[in-house]
N, C-alpha and C. Protein backbone atom coordinates (compact mmCIF):
# COMPACT_ATOMS: atom_id res chain seq x y z
N MET A 1 0.83 -1.19 0.00
CA MET A 1 0.00 0.00 0.00
C MET A 1 0.87 1.25 0.00
N LEU A 2 1.97 1.23 0.71
CA LEU A 2 2.85 2.38 0.77
C LEU A 2 3.46 2.67 -0.59
N SER A 3 3.74 1.62 -1.34
CA SER A 3 4.36 1.83 -2.64
C SER A 3 3.39 2.53 -3.61
N THR A 4 2.09 2.23 -3.49
CA THR A 4 1.13 2.89 -4.38
C THR A 4 1.02 4.37 -4.05
N TRP A 5 1.10 4.72 -2.77
CA TRP A 5 1.07 6.13 -2.39
C TRP A 5 2.31 6.85 -2.90
N LYS A 6 3.44 6.19 -2.84
CA LYS A 6 4.66 6.81 -3.34
C LYS A 6 4.58 7.06 -4.84
N GLU A 7 3.96 6.13 -5.55
CA GLU A 7 3.80 6.31 -7.00
C GLU A 7 2.85 7.45 -7.30
N LYS A 8 1.78 7.56 -6.51
CA LYS A 8 0.81 8.64 -6.74
C LYS A 8 1.42 9.99 -6.39
N LEU A 9 2.25 10.03 -5.36
CA LEU A 9 2.85 11.31 -4.97
C LEU A 9 3.89 11.78 -5.97
N LYS A 10 4.38 10.86 -6.79
CA LYS A 10 5.32 11.27 -7.82
C LYS A 10 4.62 12.09 -8.90
N ASN A 11 3.35 11.85 -9.06
CA ASN A 11 2.58 12.60 -10.05
C ASN A 11 2.31 14.00 -9.50
N ARG A 12 2.83 15.02 -10.15
CA ARG A 12 2.74 16.39 -9.63
C ARG A 12 1.32 16.93 -9.67
N LYS A 13 0.50 16.45 -10.59
CA LYS A 13 -0.86 16.95 -10.66
C LYS A 13 -1.66 16.54 -9.44
N VAL A 14 -1.43 15.33 -8.94
CA VAL A 14 -2.14 14.87 -7.76
C VAL A 14 -1.72 15.69 -6.54
N VAL A 15 -0.44 15.93 -6.41
CA VAL A 15 0.07 16.72 -5.28
C VAL A 15 -0.47 18.13 -5.34
N LEU A 16 -0.46 18.73 -6.52
CA LEU A 16 -0.97 20.09 -6.68
C LEU A 16 -2.46 20.15 -6.34
N PHE A 17 -3.22 19.18 -6.78
CA PHE A 17 -4.65 19.14 -6.48
C PHE A 17 -4.88 19.02 -4.98
N LEU A 18 -4.15 18.15 -4.31
CA LEU A 18 -4.32 17.98 -2.87
C LEU A 18 -3.96 19.25 -2.11
N LEU A 19 -2.88 19.90 -2.50
CA LEU A 19 -2.49 21.15 -1.84
C LEU A 19 -3.54 22.24 -2.04
N LEU A 20 -4.03 22.38 -3.27
CA LEU A 20 -5.06 23.39 -3.53
C LEU A 20 -6.34 23.09 -2.76
N PHE A 21 -6.70 21.81 -2.68
CA PHE A 21 -7.90 21.42 -1.94
C PHE A 21 -7.76 21.73 -0.46
N LEU A 22 -6.61 21.41 0.12
CA LEU A 22 -6.40 21.68 1.54
C LEU A 22 -6.38 23.18 1.84
N ILE A 23 -5.72 23.95 1.01
CA ILE A 23 -5.64 25.39 1.23
C ILE A 23 -7.01 26.03 1.09
N SER A 24 -7.77 25.63 0.08
CA SER A 24 -9.10 26.23 -0.10
C SER A 24 -10.05 25.80 1.01
N SER A 25 -9.94 24.58 1.48
CA SER A 25 -10.79 24.12 2.59
C SER A 25 -10.47 24.89 3.87
N LEU A 26 -9.19 25.09 4.14
CA LEU A 26 -8.81 25.84 5.33
C LEU A 26 -9.27 27.29 5.26
N SER A 27 -9.12 27.91 4.10
CA SER A 27 -9.53 29.31 3.99
C SER A 27 -11.05 29.45 4.11
N PHE A 28 -11.78 28.51 3.53
CA PHE A 28 -13.24 28.56 3.66
C PHE A 28 -13.66 28.37 5.11
N GLY A 29 -13.06 27.41 5.78
CA GLY A 29 -13.41 27.13 7.18
C GLY A 29 -13.08 28.30 8.09
N LEU A 30 -11.91 28.89 7.91
CA LEU A 30 -11.54 30.03 8.74
C LEU A 30 -12.43 31.23 8.47
N GLY A 31 -12.76 31.48 7.22
CA GLY A 31 -13.67 32.58 6.89
C GLY A 31 -15.05 32.37 7.47
N TYR A 32 -15.53 31.14 7.44
CA TYR A 32 -16.84 30.83 8.01
C TYR A 32 -16.84 31.05 9.52
N LEU A 33 -15.81 30.58 10.19
CA LEU A 33 -15.74 30.74 11.65
C LEU A 33 -15.61 32.21 12.05
N LEU A 34 -14.79 32.96 11.34
CA LEU A 34 -14.63 34.38 11.68
C LEU A 34 -15.90 35.16 11.41
N ALA A 35 -16.59 34.87 10.33
CA ALA A 35 -17.83 35.57 10.02
C ALA A 35 -18.91 35.23 11.04
N GLN A 36 -18.90 34.02 11.54
CA GLN A 36 -19.89 33.59 12.52
C GLN A 36 -19.65 34.29 13.86
N GLN A 37 -18.42 34.50 14.22
CA GLN A 37 -18.09 35.14 15.50
C GLN A 37 -18.32 36.64 15.44
N ASN A 38 -18.03 37.28 14.32
CA ASN A 38 -18.09 38.74 14.24
C ASN A 38 -19.49 39.27 13.96
N ASN A 39 -20.38 38.46 13.42
CA ASN A 39 -21.71 38.93 13.08
C ASN A 39 -22.75 37.91 13.54
N PRO A 40 -23.11 37.94 14.83
CA PRO A 40 -24.08 36.96 15.32
C PRO A 40 -25.53 37.30 14.98
N ALA A 41 -25.80 38.50 14.47
CA ALA A 41 -27.17 38.91 14.17
C ALA A 41 -27.68 38.16 12.93
N PRO A 42 -28.92 37.72 12.95
CA PRO A 42 -29.49 37.04 11.78
C PRO A 42 -29.81 38.02 10.67
N ILE A 43 -29.87 37.51 9.47
CA ILE A 43 -30.21 38.34 8.31
C ILE A 43 -31.73 38.45 8.23
N ILE A 44 -32.23 39.69 8.17
CA ILE A 44 -33.68 39.92 8.11
C ILE A 44 -34.01 40.46 6.72
N ILE A 45 -34.90 39.77 6.03
CA ILE A 45 -35.32 40.20 4.70
C ILE A 45 -36.73 40.79 4.81
N GLU A 46 -36.88 42.04 4.42
CA GLU A 46 -38.18 42.70 4.50
C GLU A 46 -38.86 42.65 3.13
N LYS A 47 -40.16 42.39 3.15
CA LYS A 47 -40.93 42.39 1.91
C LYS A 47 -41.54 43.78 1.71
N ILE A 48 -41.47 44.27 0.48
CA ILE A 48 -42.07 45.55 0.15
C ILE A 48 -43.30 45.26 -0.72
N ASN A 49 -44.45 45.74 -0.27
CA ASN A 49 -45.69 45.51 -1.02
C ASN A 49 -45.94 46.60 -2.03
């Protein structure tokens, strides 16, 4: 099993995809947590007749 991972890690496209996925997931998660802490008020949508 370890040898298959080593072969996959040799492929630069797989490594690049994993790095981009991890970075984007972390940035989304941090942005979500910070927005949740800084703005606890709910969004109110008013209807205009």
